[in-house]
Amino acid sequence: MRAAPASQAKAIRSSRGSESATASSGIAWRERKAAASPGVATERWTGLAQWTIVGVSMVNSTLAYGGRMPTRPDLIFTLTVKRQYSYYLWKIFFPLILMVIVSYSAYFIDVTDHYTQITIALTTILTVIAFSFSVESSMPKVPYLTYIDCFFLATYVIVFLALLVLIVIHTMVKRNSHRRATYLRGISRWIYPIVFALVNAAILVNFFGW
C-alpha cells in the first residue's frame, strides 16, 4: 500500500550523439533551442501542472558500441518530480467529507420520518459510488491500495452502517419501541463521527506514520 499512485517519479531522457530520444514516462517535456550558454531550466513552462520538480540531474558520458565502431557522447537527463496534493484535497477528500456529513444529517430528522432518513442514506451511498467511478477514471491503475482507495472504503463502510442503523431504528418504531429507537439514534449521533475520525486516523498512521 502506498500513499498515492506515483507520488514521486523520475523521467529519464537520454540523448546519444545526434540521435534524438524521448521520455517514455508520459510526462510532458518541451524542449527549447539551446541558448548561448548550456543549462537545464526548471521554469513552469515545462508543463507539470500536477507535479513539483524535486531535482534535475545531468550525466555526461560516452557510449561504446564495440568492435570498430567509435564511441559516441551520451547525455542522460534525470527529472525527479513529486505529486502536488492540493488537487486531491479539494477535489476528492473535501467532497467525500461533505457526503459523510450529509449521511450523518439523517440522525437529526424526526425518528418517525423513516422515508426521509432512508432517502438521505441511499442517495449518499449512490453518490459516493458514482463519485468513485468518476475519480477512478482519472487515476492510474495500480496493483496496490493507495490512501485515496482506503479513504473511499472507509466512506463506503460508514455510510452503509448509517443506513443499517436507520433500518434498525425504523424496525423499533414499527414495534412501538420509540424510547429504544430514540436512545439508539442519540447514541449514533456520537458514535458516527467518532468512528469515522478513528478509522481515518488509523489510515493516516498506516500510510504516513503520524
N, C-alpha and C. Protein backbone atom coordinates (compact mmCIF):
# COMPACT_ATOMS: atom_id res chain seq x y z
N MET A 1 0.85 -1.19 0.00
CA MET A 1 0.00 0.00 0.00
C MET A 1 0.88 1.23 0.00
N ARG A 2 0.45 2.23 -0.75
CA ARG A 2 1.22 3.45 -0.85
C ARG A 2 0.30 4.64 -0.69
N ALA A 3 0.89 5.79 -0.35
CA ALA A 3 0.09 6.99 -0.09
C ALA A 3 -0.66 7.44 -1.32
N ALA A 4 -0.02 7.42 -2.47
CA ALA A 4 -0.65 7.87 -3.70
C ALA A 4 -0.01 7.16 -4.86
N PRO A 5 -0.76 6.96 -5.96
CA PRO A 5 -0.16 6.34 -7.13
C PRO A 5 0.89 7.24 -7.73
N ALA A 6 2.09 6.73 -7.85
CA ALA A 6 3.20 7.51 -8.43
C ALA A 6 3.34 8.85 -7.74
N SER A 7 3.44 8.83 -6.39
CA SER A 7 3.58 10.07 -5.65
C SER A 7 4.90 10.76 -5.94
N GLN A 8 5.88 9.97 -6.36
CA GLN A 8 7.15 10.55 -6.78
C GLN A 8 7.66 9.72 -7.95
N ALA A 9 8.12 10.39 -8.99
CA ALA A 9 8.52 9.68 -10.19
C ALA A 9 9.74 10.33 -10.80
N LYS A 10 10.38 9.59 -11.69
CA LYS A 10 11.54 10.08 -12.41
C LYS A 10 11.32 9.90 -13.90
N ALA A 11 11.71 10.90 -14.66
CA ALA A 11 11.69 10.80 -16.11
C ALA A 11 13.12 10.92 -16.58
N ILE A 12 13.59 9.91 -17.30
CA ILE A 12 14.97 9.88 -17.76
C ILE A 12 14.99 10.06 -19.26
N ARG A 13 15.77 11.01 -19.70
CA ARG A 13 15.89 11.26 -21.12
C ARG A 13 17.35 11.13 -21.52
N SER A 14 17.58 10.30 -22.51
CA SER A 14 18.94 10.08 -22.97
C SER A 14 19.09 10.62 -24.37
N SER A 15 20.12 11.42 -24.58
CA SER A 15 20.41 11.96 -25.89
C SER A 15 21.77 11.44 -26.31
N ARG A 16 21.78 10.60 -27.34
CA ARG A 16 23.01 9.94 -27.75
C ARG A 16 23.44 10.48 -29.11
N GLY A 17 24.57 11.15 -29.07
CA GLY A 17 25.10 11.70 -30.30
C GLY A 17 24.14 12.64 -30.96
N SER A 18 23.92 12.46 -32.25
CA SER A 18 23.00 13.31 -32.99
C SER A 18 21.61 12.75 -33.03
N GLU A 19 21.43 11.52 -32.45
CA GLU A 19 20.11 10.90 -32.44
C GLU A 19 19.27 11.54 -31.35
N SER A 20 17.95 11.50 -31.55
CA SER A 20 17.03 12.08 -30.56
C SER A 20 16.29 10.98 -29.85
N ALA A 21 16.03 11.19 -28.57
CA ALA A 21 15.26 10.22 -27.78
C ALA A 21 14.24 10.97 -26.97
N THR A 22 13.16 10.31 -26.62
CA THR A 22 12.08 10.95 -25.88
C THR A 22 11.85 10.20 -24.59
N ALA A 23 11.31 10.90 -23.58
CA ALA A 23 11.00 10.27 -22.29
C ALA A 23 9.79 9.38 -22.46
N SER A 24 9.83 8.21 -21.86
CA SER A 24 8.75 7.24 -22.01
C SER A 24 7.79 7.25 -20.84
N SER A 25 7.93 8.18 -19.93
CA SER A 25 7.09 8.19 -18.73
C SER A 25 5.77 8.89 -18.94
N GLY A 26 5.54 9.54 -20.07
CA GLY A 26 4.28 10.22 -20.33
C GLY A 26 4.22 11.60 -19.76
N ILE A 27 5.29 12.10 -19.17
CA ILE A 27 5.32 13.45 -18.62
C ILE A 27 5.66 14.43 -19.73
N ALA A 28 4.90 15.49 -19.82
CA ALA A 28 5.13 16.45 -20.89
C ALA A 28 6.49 17.10 -20.76
N TRP A 29 7.19 17.17 -21.85
CA TRP A 29 8.52 17.78 -21.86
C TRP A 29 8.65 18.56 -23.16
N ARG A 30 8.89 19.83 -23.08
CA ARG A 30 9.03 20.65 -24.27
C ARG A 30 10.42 21.26 -24.29
N GLU A 31 11.12 21.02 -25.36
CA GLU A 31 12.49 21.50 -25.47
C GLU A 31 12.53 22.88 -26.08
N ARG A 32 13.49 23.62 -25.66
CA ARG A 32 13.79 24.89 -26.28
C ARG A 32 15.15 24.79 -26.96
N LYS A 33 15.32 25.55 -28.00
CA LYS A 33 16.61 25.55 -28.66
C LYS A 33 17.66 26.11 -27.71
N ALA A 34 18.81 25.51 -27.76
CA ALA A 34 19.87 25.88 -26.84
C ALA A 34 20.24 27.34 -27.00
N ALA A 35 20.37 28.01 -25.88
CA ALA A 35 20.78 29.41 -25.90
C ALA A 35 22.29 29.47 -26.00
N ALA A 36 22.83 30.67 -25.81
CA ALA A 36 24.28 30.83 -25.92
C ALA A 36 25.01 29.99 -24.89
N SER A 37 24.44 29.89 -23.67
CA SER A 37 25.08 29.09 -22.62
C SER A 37 24.22 27.87 -22.32
N PRO A 38 24.79 26.66 -22.23
CA PRO A 38 24.01 25.45 -21.95
C PRO A 38 23.53 25.42 -20.51
N GLY A 39 22.50 24.66 -20.26
CA GLY A 39 21.98 24.52 -18.90
C GLY A 39 20.64 23.82 -18.89
N VAL A 40 20.08 23.61 -17.70
CA VAL A 40 18.79 22.96 -17.53
C VAL A 40 17.84 23.94 -16.87
N ALA A 41 16.68 24.16 -17.48
CA ALA A 41 15.71 25.12 -16.95
C ALA A 41 14.63 24.39 -16.18
N THR A 42 14.12 25.00 -15.11
CA THR A 42 13.06 24.41 -14.29
C THR A 42 11.87 25.34 -14.19
N GLU A 43 11.66 26.21 -15.19
CA GLU A 43 10.54 27.13 -15.14
C GLU A 43 9.23 26.37 -15.33
N ARG A 44 8.12 27.08 -15.17
CA ARG A 44 6.81 26.46 -15.22
C ARG A 44 6.43 26.02 -16.63
N TRP A 45 7.17 26.51 -17.63
CA TRP A 45 6.81 26.12 -18.99
C TRP A 45 7.02 24.64 -19.25
N THR A 46 7.64 23.93 -18.33
CA THR A 46 7.83 22.50 -18.52
C THR A 46 6.50 21.75 -18.52
N GLY A 47 5.40 22.36 -18.06
CA GLY A 47 4.08 21.77 -18.19
C GLY A 47 3.75 20.70 -17.17
N LEU A 48 4.28 20.80 -15.98
CA LEU A 48 3.99 19.81 -14.94
C LEU A 48 3.01 20.41 -13.94
N ALA A 49 1.75 20.51 -14.35
CA ALA A 49 0.76 21.20 -13.52
C ALA A 49 0.49 20.46 -12.22
N GLN A 50 0.53 19.12 -12.23
CA GLN A 50 0.22 18.33 -11.04
C GLN A 50 1.47 17.86 -10.30
N TRP A 51 2.64 18.36 -10.70
CA TRP A 51 3.88 17.88 -10.12
C TRP A 51 4.75 19.04 -9.69
N THR A 52 5.58 18.78 -8.71
CA THR A 52 6.60 19.73 -8.27
C THR A 52 7.97 19.15 -8.60
N ILE A 53 8.79 19.93 -9.26
CA ILE A 53 10.09 19.44 -9.64
C ILE A 53 10.99 19.39 -8.40
N VAL A 54 11.43 18.18 -8.05
CA VAL A 54 12.28 17.98 -6.89
C VAL A 54 13.75 18.17 -7.25
N GLY A 55 14.13 17.67 -8.38
CA GLY A 55 15.53 17.81 -8.79
C GLY A 55 15.73 17.44 -10.24
N VAL A 56 16.75 18.02 -10.83
CA VAL A 56 17.14 17.72 -12.20
C VAL A 56 18.63 17.45 -12.20
N SER A 57 19.01 16.31 -12.73
CA SER A 57 20.43 15.96 -12.79
C SER A 57 20.82 15.63 -14.23
N MET A 58 22.10 15.76 -14.51
CA MET A 58 22.60 15.52 -15.86
C MET A 58 23.91 14.76 -15.75
N VAL A 59 24.03 13.68 -16.51
CA VAL A 59 25.23 12.86 -16.52
C VAL A 59 25.77 12.83 -17.94
N ASN A 60 27.01 13.22 -18.08
CA ASN A 60 27.67 13.24 -19.38
C ASN A 60 28.69 12.12 -19.43
N SER A 61 28.54 11.22 -20.41
CA SER A 61 29.45 10.09 -20.53
C SER A 61 29.63 9.73 -21.99
N THR A 62 30.27 8.64 -22.24
CA THR A 62 30.45 8.16 -23.61
C THR A 62 29.85 6.77 -23.73
N LEU A 63 29.42 6.44 -24.92
CA LEU A 63 28.77 5.16 -25.18
C LEU A 63 29.59 4.41 -26.21
N ALA A 64 30.03 3.22 -25.84
CA ALA A 64 30.83 2.39 -26.74
C ALA A 64 29.96 1.31 -27.35
N TYR A 65 29.95 1.21 -28.67
CA TYR A 65 29.15 0.22 -29.37
C TYR A 65 29.91 -1.09 -29.57
N GLY A 66 31.22 -1.08 -29.35
CA GLY A 66 32.01 -2.28 -29.51
C GLY A 66 32.56 -2.44 -30.93
N GLY A 67 33.49 -3.32 -31.06
CA GLY A 67 34.09 -3.55 -32.37
C GLY A 67 34.87 -2.34 -32.85
N ARG A 68 34.71 -2.04 -34.11
CA ARG A 68 35.42 -0.91 -34.69
C ARG A 68 34.60 0.37 -34.65
N MET A 69 33.41 0.28 -34.08
CA MET A 69 32.55 1.46 -34.01
C MET A 69 33.16 2.46 -33.03
N PRO A 70 33.19 3.73 -33.41
CA PRO A 70 33.74 4.73 -32.49
C PRO A 70 32.78 5.01 -31.33
N THR A 71 33.34 5.46 -30.23
CA THR A 71 32.49 5.86 -29.10
C THR A 71 31.75 7.13 -29.43
N ARG A 72 30.56 7.26 -28.84
CA ARG A 72 29.72 8.43 -29.10
C ARG A 72 29.34 9.07 -27.76
N PRO A 73 29.16 10.36 -27.76
CA PRO A 73 28.78 11.02 -26.50
C PRO A 73 27.37 10.62 -26.06
N ASP A 74 27.20 10.47 -24.78
CA ASP A 74 25.92 10.06 -24.20
C ASP A 74 25.57 11.02 -23.07
N LEU A 75 24.43 11.68 -23.18
CA LEU A 75 23.99 12.67 -22.18
C LEU A 75 22.64 12.24 -21.63
N ILE A 76 22.57 12.00 -20.32
CA ILE A 76 21.34 11.50 -19.69
C ILE A 76 20.81 12.55 -18.71
N PHE A 77 19.55 12.94 -18.91
CA PHE A 77 18.87 13.86 -18.00
C PHE A 77 17.93 13.05 -17.11
N THR A 78 17.95 13.31 -15.82
CA THR A 78 17.04 12.67 -14.88
C THR A 78 16.21 13.76 -14.19
N LEU A 79 14.90 13.69 -14.40
CA LEU A 79 13.97 14.67 -13.82
C LEU A 79 13.16 13.98 -12.72
N THR A 80 13.33 14.40 -11.47
CA THR A 80 12.60 13.84 -10.34
C THR A 80 11.49 14.80 -9.95
N VAL A 81 10.26 14.28 -9.91
CA VAL A 81 9.10 15.12 -9.62
C VAL A 81 8.29 14.51 -8.49
N LYS A 82 7.55 15.35 -7.78
CA LYS A 82 6.69 14.93 -6.68
C LYS A 82 5.29 15.46 -6.92
N ARG A 83 4.30 14.59 -6.71
CA ARG A 83 2.92 14.97 -7.00
C ARG A 83 2.42 16.03 -6.02
N GLN A 84 1.67 17.00 -6.55
CA GLN A 84 1.05 18.03 -5.72
C GLN A 84 -0.28 17.50 -5.18
N TYR A 85 -0.53 17.68 -3.88
CA TYR A 85 -1.68 17.06 -3.23
C TYR A 85 -2.88 18.00 -3.08
N SER A 86 -2.72 19.27 -3.41
CA SER A 86 -3.84 20.20 -3.22
C SER A 86 -5.04 19.83 -4.08
N TYR A 87 -4.80 19.31 -5.28
CA TYR A 87 -5.90 18.91 -6.17
C TYR A 87 -6.74 17.82 -5.50
N TYR A 88 -6.10 16.81 -4.95
CA TYR A 88 -6.81 15.70 -4.33
C TYR A 88 -7.51 16.13 -3.04
N LEU A 89 -6.92 17.09 -2.36
CA LEU A 89 -7.53 17.56 -1.12
C LEU A 89 -8.87 18.23 -1.38
N TRP A 90 -8.94 19.12 -2.38
CA TRP A 90 -10.16 19.90 -2.62
C TRP A 90 -11.12 19.21 -3.57
N LYS A 91 -10.62 18.35 -4.48
CA LYS A 91 -11.49 17.73 -5.48
C LYS A 91 -11.95 16.33 -5.10
N ILE A 92 -11.32 15.71 -4.10
CA ILE A 92 -11.69 14.34 -3.73
C ILE A 92 -12.05 14.24 -2.25
N PHE A 93 -11.12 14.60 -1.36
CA PHE A 93 -11.35 14.40 0.07
C PHE A 93 -12.44 15.32 0.61
N PHE A 94 -12.41 16.59 0.21
CA PHE A 94 -13.42 17.53 0.71
C PHE A 94 -14.84 17.14 0.29
N PRO A 95 -15.10 16.78 -0.99
CA PRO A 95 -16.45 16.32 -1.34
C PRO A 95 -16.86 15.06 -0.60
N LEU A 96 -15.93 14.13 -0.37
CA LEU A 96 -16.28 12.92 0.35
C LEU A 96 -16.67 13.21 1.80
N ILE A 97 -15.95 14.14 2.43
CA ILE A 97 -16.31 14.52 3.80
C ILE A 97 -17.70 15.15 3.84
N LEU A 98 -18.01 15.97 2.83
CA LEU A 98 -19.36 16.56 2.76
C LEU A 98 -20.42 15.47 2.61
N MET A 99 -20.13 14.44 1.83
CA MET A 99 -21.10 13.35 1.67
C MET A 99 -21.32 12.61 2.98
N VAL A 100 -20.26 12.43 3.74
CA VAL A 100 -20.41 11.79 5.05
C VAL A 100 -21.25 12.65 5.98
N ILE A 101 -21.06 13.96 5.91
CA ILE A 101 -21.85 14.87 6.74
C ILE A 101 -23.33 14.81 6.35
N VAL A 102 -23.60 14.73 5.04
CA VAL A 102 -24.99 14.61 4.58
C VAL A 102 -25.61 13.33 5.12
N SER A 103 -24.87 12.23 5.06
CA SER A 103 -25.38 10.98 5.62
C SER A 103 -25.61 11.09 7.12
N TYR A 104 -24.74 11.79 7.80
CA TYR A 104 -24.86 11.99 9.24
C TYR A 104 -26.09 12.81 9.61
N SER A 105 -26.51 13.70 8.70
CA SER A 105 -27.66 14.57 8.98
C SER A 105 -28.96 13.78 9.14
N ALA A 106 -28.99 12.55 8.64
CA ALA A 106 -30.21 11.75 8.77
C ALA A 106 -30.56 11.46 10.22
N TYR A 107 -29.57 11.49 11.11
CA TYR A 107 -29.83 11.23 12.52
C TYR A 107 -30.50 12.40 13.24
N PHE A 108 -30.61 13.53 12.57
CA PHE A 108 -31.24 14.70 13.20
C PHE A 108 -32.65 14.94 12.67
N ILE A 109 -33.15 14.03 11.87
CA ILE A 109 -34.53 14.09 11.39
C ILE A 109 -35.42 13.33 12.38
N ASP A 110 -36.67 13.69 12.40
CA ASP A 110 -37.61 13.07 13.33
C ASP A 110 -37.55 11.55 13.21
N VAL A 111 -37.54 10.87 14.36
CA VAL A 111 -37.33 9.43 14.38
C VAL A 111 -38.43 8.67 13.64
N THR A 112 -39.59 9.26 13.49
CA THR A 112 -40.69 8.58 12.80
C THR A 112 -40.68 8.85 11.29
N ASP A 113 -39.88 9.79 10.84
CA ASP A 113 -39.82 10.12 9.41
C ASP A 113 -38.82 9.19 8.74
N HIS A 114 -39.20 7.94 8.63
CA HIS A 114 -38.28 6.94 8.11
C HIS A 114 -37.97 7.16 6.63
N TYR A 115 -38.95 7.59 5.86
CA TYR A 115 -38.75 7.76 4.42
C TYR A 115 -37.63 8.76 4.12
N THR A 116 -37.63 9.89 4.80
CA THR A 116 -36.60 10.90 4.57
C THR A 116 -35.23 10.40 4.99
N GLN A 117 -35.18 9.70 6.12
CA GLN A 117 -33.90 9.18 6.60
C GLN A 117 -33.29 8.19 5.61
N ILE A 118 -34.09 7.24 5.15
CA ILE A 118 -33.59 6.23 4.22
C ILE A 118 -33.22 6.87 2.88
N THR A 119 -34.00 7.86 2.44
CA THR A 119 -33.69 8.54 1.18
C THR A 119 -32.33 9.21 1.24
N ILE A 120 -32.04 9.87 2.35
CA ILE A 120 -30.74 10.53 2.50
C ILE A 120 -29.61 9.52 2.50
N ALA A 121 -29.79 8.42 3.23
CA ALA A 121 -28.74 7.40 3.32
C ALA A 121 -28.49 6.74 1.97
N LEU A 122 -29.55 6.35 1.27
CA LEU A 122 -29.39 5.70 -0.03
C LEU A 122 -28.80 6.65 -1.06
N THR A 123 -29.25 7.89 -1.05
CA THR A 123 -28.72 8.87 -2.00
C THR A 123 -27.23 9.10 -1.77
N THR A 124 -26.83 9.12 -0.51
CA THR A 124 -25.41 9.30 -0.20
C THR A 124 -24.58 8.14 -0.70
N ILE A 125 -25.08 6.91 -0.50
CA ILE A 125 -24.34 5.73 -0.96
C ILE A 125 -24.18 5.76 -2.47
N LEU A 126 -25.25 6.05 -3.19
CA LEU A 126 -25.18 6.10 -4.66
C LEU A 126 -24.26 7.22 -5.13
N THR A 127 -24.29 8.34 -4.41
CA THR A 127 -23.42 9.46 -4.79
C THR A 127 -21.95 9.10 -4.60
N VAL A 128 -21.64 8.43 -3.51
CA VAL A 128 -20.25 8.02 -3.26
C VAL A 128 -19.78 7.03 -4.32
N ILE A 129 -20.66 6.09 -4.70
CA ILE A 129 -20.29 5.11 -5.72
C ILE A 129 -20.04 5.80 -7.07
N ALA A 130 -20.95 6.71 -7.46
CA ALA A 130 -20.76 7.42 -8.72
C ALA A 130 -19.51 8.29 -8.69
N PHE A 131 -19.26 8.90 -7.55
CA PHE A 131 -18.07 9.75 -7.42
C PHE A 131 -16.79 8.92 -7.51
N SER A 132 -16.82 7.71 -6.95
CA SER A 132 -15.63 6.85 -7.01
C SER A 132 -15.32 6.44 -8.44
N PHE A 133 -16.36 6.14 -9.24
CA PHE A 133 -16.14 5.80 -10.65
C PHE A 133 -15.56 6.99 -11.40
N SER A 134 -16.03 8.18 -11.08
CA SER A 134 -15.51 9.38 -11.74
C SER A 134 -14.04 9.61 -11.40
N VAL A 135 -13.68 9.37 -10.14
CA VAL A 135 -12.29 9.59 -9.73
C VAL A 135 -11.38 8.51 -10.31
N GLU A 136 -11.84 7.26 -10.29
CA GLU A 136 -11.01 6.16 -10.78
C GLU A 136 -10.69 6.29 -12.26
N SER A 137 -11.58 6.92 -13.03
CA SER A 137 -11.32 7.08 -14.45
C SER A 137 -10.13 7.99 -14.73
N SER A 138 -9.79 8.85 -13.78
CA SER A 138 -8.67 9.77 -13.97
C SER A 138 -7.43 9.38 -13.18
N MET A 139 -7.49 8.25 -12.47
CA MET A 139 -6.36 7.80 -11.67
C MET A 139 -5.64 6.67 -12.37
N PRO A 140 -4.33 6.57 -12.17
CA PRO A 140 -3.59 5.45 -12.77
C PRO A 140 -3.99 4.13 -12.14
N LYS A 141 -4.00 3.08 -12.94
CA LYS A 141 -4.35 1.74 -12.46
C LYS A 141 -3.11 1.10 -11.84
N VAL A 142 -3.17 0.89 -10.53
CA VAL A 142 -2.03 0.33 -9.81
C VAL A 142 -2.48 -0.92 -9.06
N PRO A 143 -1.57 -1.90 -8.84
CA PRO A 143 -1.94 -3.16 -8.20
C PRO A 143 -1.92 -3.13 -6.67
N TYR A 144 -1.96 -1.95 -6.08
CA TYR A 144 -1.92 -1.85 -4.62
C TYR A 144 -2.91 -0.78 -4.17
N LEU A 145 -3.25 -0.82 -2.88
CA LEU A 145 -4.18 0.15 -2.32
C LEU A 145 -3.44 1.45 -2.00
N THR A 146 -4.03 2.56 -2.41
CA THR A 146 -3.47 3.86 -2.08
C THR A 146 -4.28 4.47 -0.94
N TYR A 147 -3.82 5.62 -0.46
CA TYR A 147 -4.53 6.29 0.61
C TYR A 147 -5.94 6.70 0.17
N ILE A 148 -6.06 7.14 -1.08
CA ILE A 148 -7.38 7.52 -1.60
C ILE A 148 -8.31 6.32 -1.62
N ASP A 149 -7.79 5.14 -2.02
CA ASP A 149 -8.62 3.93 -2.04
C ASP A 149 -9.14 3.60 -0.64
N CYS A 150 -8.27 3.67 0.35
CA CYS A 150 -8.69 3.37 1.73
C CYS A 150 -9.68 4.41 2.25
N PHE A 151 -9.50 5.67 1.86
CA PHE A 151 -10.44 6.70 2.28
C PHE A 151 -11.82 6.45 1.67
N PHE A 152 -11.85 6.03 0.41
CA PHE A 152 -13.12 5.68 -0.22
C PHE A 152 -13.76 4.48 0.49
N LEU A 153 -12.96 3.47 0.82
CA LEU A 153 -13.50 2.29 1.51
C LEU A 153 -14.07 2.67 2.87
N ALA A 154 -13.39 3.53 3.58
CA ALA A 154 -13.89 3.98 4.88
C ALA A 154 -15.21 4.73 4.71
N THR A 155 -15.31 5.54 3.65
CA THR A 155 -16.55 6.27 3.40
C THR A 155 -17.68 5.31 3.06
N TYR A 156 -17.39 4.30 2.22
CA TYR A 156 -18.40 3.28 1.90
C TYR A 156 -18.95 2.65 3.18
N VAL A 157 -18.04 2.21 4.03
CA VAL A 157 -18.44 1.48 5.24
C VAL A 157 -19.27 2.37 6.17
N ILE A 158 -18.85 3.62 6.35
CA ILE A 158 -19.53 4.48 7.31
C ILE A 158 -20.94 4.85 6.85
N VAL A 159 -21.11 5.11 5.54
CA VAL A 159 -22.46 5.47 5.07
C VAL A 159 -23.35 4.24 5.00
N PHE A 160 -22.77 3.06 4.76
CA PHE A 160 -23.57 1.83 4.77
C PHE A 160 -24.01 1.48 6.18
N LEU A 161 -23.12 1.65 7.15
CA LEU A 161 -23.50 1.40 8.54
C LEU A 161 -24.59 2.37 9.00
N ALA A 162 -24.50 3.61 8.51
CA ALA A 162 -25.56 4.58 8.84
C ALA A 162 -26.91 4.10 8.34
N LEU A 163 -26.92 3.53 7.13
CA LEU A 163 -28.17 3.00 6.59
C LEU A 163 -28.69 1.83 7.43
N LEU A 164 -27.82 0.94 7.85
CA LEU A 164 -28.24 -0.19 8.67
C LEU A 164 -28.83 0.27 10.00
N VAL A 165 -28.19 1.26 10.62
CA VAL A 165 -28.70 1.77 11.89
C VAL A 165 -30.08 2.39 11.71
N LEU A 166 -30.27 3.12 10.62
CA LEU A 166 -31.58 3.72 10.36
C LEU A 166 -32.65 2.66 10.15
N ILE A 167 -32.29 1.54 9.52
CA ILE A 167 -33.25 0.45 9.34
C ILE A 167 -33.62 -0.16 10.70
N VAL A 168 -32.62 -0.32 11.57
CA VAL A 168 -32.90 -0.86 12.91
C VAL A 168 -33.80 0.10 13.68
N ILE A 169 -33.55 1.40 13.57
CA ILE A 169 -34.39 2.39 14.25
C ILE A 169 -35.82 2.31 13.75
N HIS A 170 -35.97 2.19 12.42
CA HIS A 170 -37.33 2.09 11.86
C HIS A 170 -38.03 0.84 12.36
N THR A 171 -37.30 -0.27 12.48
CA THR A 171 -37.90 -1.51 12.99
C THR A 171 -38.38 -1.32 14.43
N MET A 172 -37.61 -0.62 15.23
CA MET A 172 -38.02 -0.35 16.61
C MET A 172 -39.27 0.51 16.66
N VAL A 173 -39.34 1.50 15.77
CA VAL A 173 -40.51 2.38 15.76
C VAL A 173 -41.76 1.59 15.38
N LYS A 174 -41.64 0.70 14.40
CA LYS A 174 -42.79 -0.11 13.98
C LYS A 174 -43.25 -1.04 15.10
N ARG A 175 -42.34 -1.42 15.98
CA ARG A 175 -42.70 -2.28 17.11
C ARG A 175 -43.06 -1.47 18.36
N ASN A 176 -43.29 -0.18 18.14
CA ASN A 176 -43.70 0.73 19.21
C ASN A 176 -42.63 0.87 20.31
N SER A 177 -41.39 0.68 19.94
CA SER A 177 -40.29 0.88 20.89
C SER A 177 -39.66 2.24 20.64
N HIS A 178 -40.45 3.29 20.77
CA HIS A 178 -39.98 4.64 20.47
C HIS A 178 -38.84 5.06 21.39
N ARG A 179 -38.94 4.64 22.64
CA ARG A 179 -37.90 5.03 23.58
C ARG A 179 -36.55 4.43 23.19
N ARG A 180 -36.55 3.14 22.83
CA ARG A 180 -35.30 2.50 22.41
C ARG A 180 -34.79 3.08 21.10
N ALA A 181 -35.72 3.40 20.21
CA ALA A 181 -35.31 3.99 18.92
C ALA A 181 -34.67 5.36 19.13
N THR A 182 -35.26 6.16 20.00
CA THR A 182 -34.70 7.48 20.28
C THR A 182 -33.34 7.36 20.96
N TYR A 183 -33.20 6.38 21.85
CA TYR A 183 -31.92 6.18 22.53
C TYR A 183 -30.84 5.76 21.53
N LEU A 184 -31.18 4.83 20.63
CA LEU A 184 -30.20 4.37 19.64
C LEU A 184 -29.79 5.50 18.71
N ARG A 185 -30.75 6.33 18.33
CA ARG A 185 -30.41 7.45 17.47
C ARG A 185 -29.51 8.44 18.19
N GLY A 186 -29.76 8.67 19.48
CA GLY A 186 -28.91 9.58 20.24
C GLY A 186 -27.48 9.06 20.37
N ILE A 187 -27.36 7.73 20.61
CA ILE A 187 -26.02 7.14 20.69
C ILE A 187 -25.31 7.23 19.33
N SER A 188 -26.07 7.00 18.25
CA SER A 188 -25.48 7.01 16.91
C SER A 188 -24.95 8.40 16.55
N ARG A 189 -25.57 9.44 17.07
CA ARG A 189 -25.09 10.79 16.79
C ARG A 189 -23.67 10.99 17.29
N TRP A 190 -23.32 10.30 18.37
CA TRP A 190 -21.97 10.42 18.92
C TRP A 190 -21.01 9.41 18.28
N ILE A 191 -21.49 8.19 18.07
CA ILE A 191 -20.62 7.13 17.57
C ILE A 191 -20.22 7.38 16.11
N TYR A 192 -21.16 7.88 15.30
CA TYR A 192 -20.91 8.05 13.86
C TYR A 192 -19.66 8.89 13.58
N PRO A 193 -19.57 10.13 14.08
CA PRO A 193 -18.36 10.92 13.77
C PRO A 193 -17.10 10.38 14.45
N ILE A 194 -17.26 9.77 15.64
CA ILE A 194 -16.09 9.24 16.34
C ILE A 194 -15.49 8.07 15.56
N VAL A 195 -16.34 7.16 15.08
CA VAL A 195 -15.85 6.02 14.30
C VAL A 195 -15.18 6.48 13.02
N PHE A 196 -15.80 7.45 12.34
CA PHE A 196 -15.22 7.96 11.09
C PHE A 196 -13.86 8.59 11.34
N ALA A 197 -13.74 9.36 12.42
CA ALA A 197 -12.47 10.00 12.74
C ALA A 197 -11.40 8.98 13.12
N LEU A 198 -11.78 7.96 13.92
CA LEU A 198 -10.80 6.95 14.34
C LEU A 198 -10.32 6.11 13.17
N VAL A 199 -11.24 5.73 12.29
CA VAL A 199 -10.84 4.92 11.13
C VAL A 199 -9.87 5.68 10.25
N ASN A 200 -10.17 6.95 9.99
CA ASN A 200 -9.28 7.74 9.13
C ASN A 200 -7.96 8.05 9.84
N ALA A 201 -7.99 8.17 11.15
CA ALA A 201 -6.73 8.35 11.88
C ALA A 201 -5.86 7.10 11.75
N ALA A 202 -6.48 5.92 11.81
CA ALA A 202 -5.72 4.68 11.65
C ALA A 202 -5.15 4.58 10.23
N ILE A 203 -5.90 5.03 9.24
CA ILE A 203 -5.41 5.01 7.86
C ILE A 203 -4.23 5.95 7.70
N LEU A 204 -4.32 7.13 8.31
CA LEU A 204 -3.21 8.08 8.24
C LEU A 204 -1.95 7.51 8.88
N VAL A 205 -2.11 6.88 10.03
CA VAL A 205 -0.96 6.29 10.71
C VAL A 205 -0.35 5.18 9.86
N ASN A 206 -1.21 4.38 9.23
CA ASN A 206 -0.71 3.27 8.42
C ASN A 206 0.09 3.75 7.22
N PHE A 207 -0.35 4.85 6.60
CA PHE A 207 0.30 5.31 5.37
C PHE A 207 1.43 6.29 5.63
N PHE A 208 1.24 7.17 6.61
CA PHE A 208 2.20 8.25 6.81
C PHE A 208 2.95 8.16 8.14
N GLY A 209 2.55 7.24 9.00
CA GLY A 209 3.24 7.05 10.27
C GLY A 209 3.08 8.21 11.23
N TRP A 210 1.94 8.90 11.19
CA TRP A 210 1.73 10.04 12.10
C TRP A 210 1.43 9.53 13.51
